[in-house]
Structure formats: structure tokens, C-alpha cells
Amino acid sequence: MTEPTQTPQGTDPTFGFNSYTERLNGRAAMIGFLTALVIEFSTGKGVLTWLGLINAS
């Protein structure tokens, strides 16, 4: 069986599961989690209560 002499020069996909989108999603999740912690620490309420979505008496 013969081996090809050249390897294809493919580009990374711009849509779907690839390393760039997974890294971006992970960073956005870290920022969101940190923001939720800061809101809860500074207001003394949870994020849903702070947004007015639930009424914590």
C-alpha cells in the first residue's frame, strides 16, 4: 500500500466543537461564575433574588 506524499492543509472549523469555541465557552463560564459570586457577596442576596425573579423573604 502506498503512502500519500502530501498531507492535506485543512483549516479549523469555525462552527461546532473545536478547541477555540470550547476555550471561549470556558472563559465565559468562568467570568459568569465570578460575576455571580461578586453579586452575591456584595448584595447579600442570590443572583435570582437580585434580578427580581424570585422573592426571598
PDB file of N, CA and C in Angstrom:
ATOM      1  N   MET A   1       0.840  -1.166   0.000  1.00  0.00           N
ATOM      2  CA  MET A   1       0.000   0.000   0.000  1.00  0.00           C
ATOM      3  C   MET A   1       0.895   1.242   0.000  1.00  0.00           C
ATOM      4  N   THR A   2       0.604   2.180  -0.865  1.00  0.00           N
ATOM      5  CA  THR A   2       1.434   3.376  -0.953  1.00  0.00           C
ATOM      6  C   THR A   2       0.913   4.467  -0.024  1.00  0.00           C
ATOM      7  N   GLU A   3       1.831   5.236   0.502  1.00  0.00           N
ATOM      8  CA  GLU A   3       1.503   6.345   1.384  1.00  0.00           C
ATOM      9  C   GLU A   3       1.414   7.629   0.556  1.00  0.00           C
ATOM     10  N   PRO A   4       0.502   8.538   0.915  1.00  0.00           N
ATOM     11  CA  PRO A   4       0.435   9.805   0.194  1.00  0.00           C
ATOM     12  C   PRO A   4       1.694  10.640   0.453  1.00  0.00           C
ATOM     13  N   THR A   5       2.068  11.428  -0.526  1.00  0.00           N
ATOM     14  CA  THR A   5       3.287  12.235  -0.393  1.00  0.00           C
ATOM     15  C   THR A   5       3.014  13.578   0.274  1.00  0.00           C
ATOM     16  N   GLN A   6       1.766  14.012   0.294  1.00  0.00           N
ATOM     17  CA  GLN A   6       1.435  15.287   0.909  1.00  0.00           C
ATOM     18  C   GLN A   6       0.316  15.085   1.925  1.00  0.00           C
ATOM     19  N   THR A   7       0.319  15.938   2.939  1.00  0.00           N
ATOM     20  CA  THR A   7      -0.776  15.904   3.897  1.00  0.00           C
ATOM     21  C   THR A   7      -1.718  17.058   3.594  1.00  0.00           C
ATOM     22  N   PRO A   8      -3.013  16.860   3.757  1.00  0.00           N
ATOM     23  CA  PRO A   8      -3.957  17.936   3.462  1.00  0.00           C
ATOM     24  C   PRO A   8      -3.780  19.095   4.437  1.00  0.00           C
ATOM     25  N   GLN A   9      -3.940  20.300   3.943  1.00  0.00           N
ATOM     26  CA  GLN A   9      -3.826  21.501   4.767  1.00  0.00           C
ATOM     27  C   GLN A   9      -5.228  21.998   5.102  1.00  0.00           C
ATOM     28  N   GLY A  10      -5.865  21.346   6.061  1.00  0.00           N
ATOM     29  CA  GLY A  10      -7.211  21.724   6.471  1.00  0.00           C
ATOM     30  C   GLY A  10      -7.179  22.846   7.490  1.00  0.00           C
ATOM     31  N   THR A  11      -8.235  23.619   7.504  1.00  0.00           N
ATOM     32  CA  THR A  11      -8.349  24.683   8.494  1.00  0.00           C
ATOM     33  C   THR A  11      -9.292  24.227   9.600  1.00  0.00           C
ATOM     34  N   ASP A  12      -9.160  24.845  10.761  1.00  0.00           N
ATOM     35  CA  ASP A  12     -10.048  24.522  11.866  1.00  0.00           C
ATOM     36  C   ASP A  12     -11.462  24.949  11.520  1.00  0.00           C
ATOM     37  N   PRO A  13     -12.447  24.162  11.915  1.00  0.00           N
ATOM     38  CA  PRO A  13     -13.827  24.569  11.647  1.00  0.00           C
ATOM     39  C   PRO A  13     -14.189  25.809  12.454  1.00  0.00           C
ATOM     40  N   THR A  14     -15.044  26.641  11.900  1.00  0.00           N
ATOM     41  CA  THR A  14     -15.455  27.859  12.595  1.00  0.00           C
ATOM     42  C   THR A  14     -16.771  27.675  13.327  1.00  0.00           C
ATOM     43  N   PHE A  15     -17.358  26.508  13.248  1.00  0.00           N
ATOM     44  CA  PHE A  15     -18.627  26.237  13.890  1.00  0.00           C
ATOM     45  C   PHE A  15     -18.575  24.856  14.522  1.00  0.00           C
ATOM     46  N   GLY A  16     -19.154  24.710  15.690  1.00  0.00           N
ATOM     47  CA  GLY A  16     -19.212  23.399  16.325  1.00  0.00           C
ATOM     48  C   GLY A  16     -18.170  23.232  17.399  1.00  0.00           C
ATOM     49  N   PHE A  17     -17.897  21.992  17.755  1.00  0.00           N
ATOM     50  CA  PHE A  17     -16.961  21.682  18.829  1.00  0.00           C
ATOM     51  C   PHE A  17     -15.540  21.698  18.290  1.00  0.00           C
ATOM     52  N   ASN A  18     -14.810  22.748  18.604  1.00  0.00           N
ATOM     53  CA  ASN A  18     -13.384  22.785  18.312  1.00  0.00           C
ATOM     54  C   ASN A  18     -12.683  23.476  19.465  1.00  0.00           C
ATOM     55  N   SER A  19     -11.385  23.506  19.450  1.00  0.00           N
ATOM     56  CA  SER A  19     -10.648  23.991  20.621  1.00  0.00           C
ATOM     57  C   SER A  19     -10.901  25.469  20.894  1.00  0.00           C
ATOM     58  N   TYR A  20     -11.059  26.281  19.856  1.00  0.00           N
ATOM     59  CA  TYR A  20     -11.283  27.709  20.074  1.00  0.00           C
ATOM     60  C   TYR A  20     -12.627  27.969  20.747  1.00  0.00           C
ATOM     61  N   THR A  21     -13.687  27.360  20.255  1.00  0.00           N
ATOM     62  CA  THR A  21     -15.012  27.606  20.838  1.00  0.00           C
ATOM     63  C   THR A  21     -15.118  27.038  22.243  1.00  0.00           C
ATOM     64  N   GLU A  22     -14.481  25.908  22.498  1.00  0.00           N
ATOM     65  CA  GLU A  22     -14.512  25.333  23.838  1.00  0.00           C
ATOM     66  C   GLU A  22     -13.754  26.217  24.823  1.00  0.00           C
ATOM     67  N   ARG A  23     -12.629  26.779  24.392  1.00  0.00           N
ATOM     68  CA  ARG A  23     -11.863  27.680  25.248  1.00  0.00           C
ATOM     69  C   ARG A  23     -12.657  28.956  25.523  1.00  0.00           C
ATOM     70  N   LEU A  24     -13.303  29.495  24.501  1.00  0.00           N
ATOM     71  CA  LEU A  24     -14.105  30.704  24.663  1.00  0.00           C
ATOM     72  C   LEU A  24     -15.291  30.454  25.598  1.00  0.00           C
ATOM     73  N   ASN A  25     -15.942  29.318  25.452  1.00  0.00           N
ATOM     74  CA  ASN A  25     -17.071  28.962  26.312  1.00  0.00           C
ATOM     75  C   ASN A  25     -16.624  28.797  27.766  1.00  0.00           C
ATOM     76  N   GLY A  26     -15.481  28.186  27.971  1.00  0.00           N
ATOM     77  CA  GLY A  26     -14.955  28.016  29.319  1.00  0.00           C
ATOM     78  C   GLY A  26     -14.630  29.347  29.980  1.00  0.00           C
ATOM     79  N   ARG A  27     -14.051  30.257  29.219  1.00  0.00           N
ATOM     80  CA  ARG A  27     -13.724  31.576  29.766  1.00  0.00           C
ATOM     81  C   ARG A  27     -14.984  32.363  30.097  1.00  0.00           C
ATOM     82  N   ALA A  28     -15.992  32.281  29.244  1.00  0.00           N
ATOM     83  CA  ALA A  28     -17.256  32.975  29.512  1.00  0.00           C
ATOM     84  C   ALA A  28     -17.924  32.404  30.762  1.00  0.00           C
ATOM     85  N   ALA A  29     -17.850  31.093  30.946  1.00  0.00           N
ATOM     86  CA  ALA A  29     -18.431  30.470  32.138  1.00  0.00           C
ATOM     87  C   ALA A  29     -17.696  30.915  33.394  1.00  0.00           C
ATOM     88  N   MET A  30     -16.374  31.029  33.326  1.00  0.00           N
ATOM     89  CA  MET A  30     -15.608  31.481  34.490  1.00  0.00           C
ATOM     90  C   MET A  30     -15.957  32.919  34.850  1.00  0.00           C
ATOM     91  N   ILE A  31     -16.102  33.770  33.851  1.00  0.00           N
ATOM     92  CA  ILE A  31     -16.462  35.168  34.096  1.00  0.00           C
ATOM     93  C   ILE A  31     -17.867  35.256  34.686  1.00  0.00           C
ATOM     94  N   GLY A  32     -18.804  34.477  34.169  1.00  0.00           N
ATOM     95  CA  GLY A  32     -20.161  34.472  34.690  1.00  0.00           C
ATOM     96  C   GLY A  32     -20.230  33.980  36.115  1.00  0.00           C
ATOM     97  N   PHE A  33     -19.489  32.939  36.434  1.00  0.00           N
ATOM     98  CA  PHE A  33     -19.478  32.409  37.794  1.00  0.00           C
ATOM     99  C   PHE A  33     -18.864  33.415  38.762  1.00  0.00           C
ATOM    100  N   LEU A  34     -17.784  34.049  38.363  1.00  0.00           N
ATOM    101  CA  LEU A  34     -17.153  35.061  39.209  1.00  0.00           C
ATOM    102  C   LEU A  34     -18.081  36.251  39.420  1.00  0.00           C
ATOM    103  N   THR A  35     -18.789  36.659  38.374  1.00  0.00           N
ATOM    104  CA  THR A  35     -19.746  37.760  38.495  1.00  0.00           C
ATOM    105  C   THR A  35     -20.869  37.405  39.467  1.00  0.00           C
ATOM    106  N   ALA A  36     -21.373  36.185  39.391  1.00  0.00           N
ATOM    107  CA  ALA A  36     -22.428  35.748  40.308  1.00  0.00           C
ATOM    108  C   ALA A  36     -21.933  35.751  41.754  1.00  0.00           C
ATOM    109  N   LEU A  37     -20.700  35.325  41.975  1.00  0.00           N
ATOM    110  CA  LEU A  37     -20.137  35.353  43.325  1.00  0.00           C
ATOM    111  C   LEU A  37     -19.976  36.780  43.837  1.00  0.00           C
ATOM    112  N   VAL A  38     -19.532  37.685  43.001  1.00  0.00           N
ATOM    113  CA  VAL A  38     -19.357  39.087  43.408  1.00  0.00           C
ATOM    114  C   VAL A  38     -20.703  39.713  43.742  1.00  0.00           C
ATOM    115  N   ILE A  39     -21.730  39.453  42.936  1.00  0.00           N
ATOM    116  CA  ILE A  39     -23.070  39.995  43.202  1.00  0.00           C
ATOM    117  C   ILE A  39     -23.598  39.454  44.523  1.00  0.00           C
ATOM    118  N   GLU A  40     -23.446  38.155  44.746  1.00  0.00           N
ATOM    119  CA  GLU A  40     -23.956  37.568  45.978  1.00  0.00           C
ATOM    120  C   GLU A  40     -23.193  38.094  47.198  1.00  0.00           C
ATOM    121  N   PHE A  41     -21.899  38.257  47.083  1.00  0.00           N
ATOM    122  CA  PHE A  41     -21.100  38.747  48.202  1.00  0.00           C
ATOM    123  C   PHE A  41     -21.399  40.215  48.506  1.00  0.00           C
ATOM    124  N   SER A  42     -21.567  41.026  47.468  1.00  0.00           N
ATOM    125  CA  SER A  42     -21.749  42.462  47.697  1.00  0.00           C
ATOM    126  C   SER A  42     -23.175  42.832  48.099  1.00  0.00           C
ATOM    127  N   THR A  43     -24.185  42.098  47.647  1.00  0.00           N
ATOM    128  CA  THR A  43     -25.569  42.445  47.976  1.00  0.00           C
ATOM    129  C   THR A  43     -26.146  41.600  49.104  1.00  0.00           C
ATOM    130  N   GLY A  44     -25.562  40.466  49.370  1.00  0.00           N
ATOM    131  CA  GLY A  44     -26.099  39.570  50.392  1.00  0.00           C
ATOM    132  C   GLY A  44     -27.294  38.771  49.912  1.00  0.00           C
ATOM    133  N   LYS A  45     -27.604  38.856  48.640  1.00  0.00           N
ATOM    134  CA  LYS A  45     -28.719  38.118  48.042  1.00  0.00           C
ATOM    135  C   LYS A  45     -28.183  37.243  46.917  1.00  0.00           C
ATOM    136  N   GLY A  46     -28.948  36.235  46.561  1.00  0.00           N
ATOM    137  CA  GLY A  46     -28.584  35.424  45.419  1.00  0.00           C
ATOM    138  C   GLY A  46     -28.854  36.165  44.120  1.00  0.00           C
ATOM    139  N   VAL A  47     -28.330  35.657  43.031  1.00  0.00           N
ATOM    140  CA  VAL A  47     -28.469  36.317  41.729  1.00  0.00           C
ATOM    141  C   VAL A  47     -29.930  36.382  41.296  1.00  0.00           C
ATOM    142  N   LEU A  48     -30.691  35.299  41.504  1.00  0.00           N
ATOM    143  CA  LEU A  48     -32.099  35.299  41.094  1.00  0.00           C
ATOM    144  C   LEU A  48     -32.915  36.294  41.902  1.00  0.00           C
ATOM    145  N   THR A  49     -32.602  36.435  43.188  1.00  0.00           N
ATOM    146  CA  THR A  49     -33.293  37.425  44.016  1.00  0.00           C
ATOM    147  C   THR A  49     -32.884  38.830  43.596  1.00  0.00           C
ATOM    148  N   TRP A  50     -31.624  39.023  43.331  1.00  0.00           N
ATOM    149  CA  TRP A  50     -31.113  40.331  42.898  1.00  0.00           C
ATOM    150  C   TRP A  50     -31.756  40.768  41.585  1.00  0.00           C
ATOM    151  N   LEU A  51     -31.996  39.816  40.699  1.00  0.00           N
ATOM    152  CA  LEU A  51     -32.645  40.121  39.427  1.00  0.00           C
ATOM    153  C   LEU A  51     -34.153  40.298  39.583  1.00  0.00           C
ATOM    154  N   GLY A  52     -34.712  39.915  40.705  1.00  0.00           N
ATOM    155  CA  GLY A  52     -36.139  40.041  40.930  1.00  0.00           C
ATOM    156  C   GLY A  52     -36.950  38.884  40.372  1.00  0.00           C
ATOM    157  N   LEU A  53     -36.296  37.779  40.108  1.00  0.00           N
ATOM    158  CA  LEU A  53     -37.000  36.616  39.547  1.00  0.00           C
ATOM    159  C   LEU A  53     -37.690  35.782  40.615  1.00  0.00           C
ATOM    160  N   ILE A  54     -37.143  35.809  41.838  1.00  0.00           N
ATOM    161  CA  ILE A  54     -37.781  35.108  42.942  1.00  0.00           C
ATOM    162  C   ILE A  54     -37.857  36.065  44.128  1.00  0.00           C
ATOM    163  N   ASN A  55     -38.771  35.794  45.019  1.00  0.00           N
ATOM    164  CA  ASN A  55     -38.957  36.636  46.195  1.00  0.00           C
ATOM    165  C   ASN A  55     -38.491  35.864  47.417  1.00  0.00           C
ATOM    166  N   ALA A  56     -37.313  36.191  47.909  1.00  0.00           N
ATOM    167  CA  ALA A  56     -36.775  35.520  49.099  1.00  0.00           C
ATOM    168  C   ALA A  56     -37.114  36.375  50.310  1.00  0.00           C
ATOM    169  N   SER A  57     -38.056  35.907  51.102  1.00  0.00           N
ATOM    170  CA  SER A  57     -38.487  36.684  52.283  1.00  0.00           C
ATOM    171  C   SER A  57     -37.616  36.407  53.463  1.00  0.00           C
TER     172      SER A  57
END
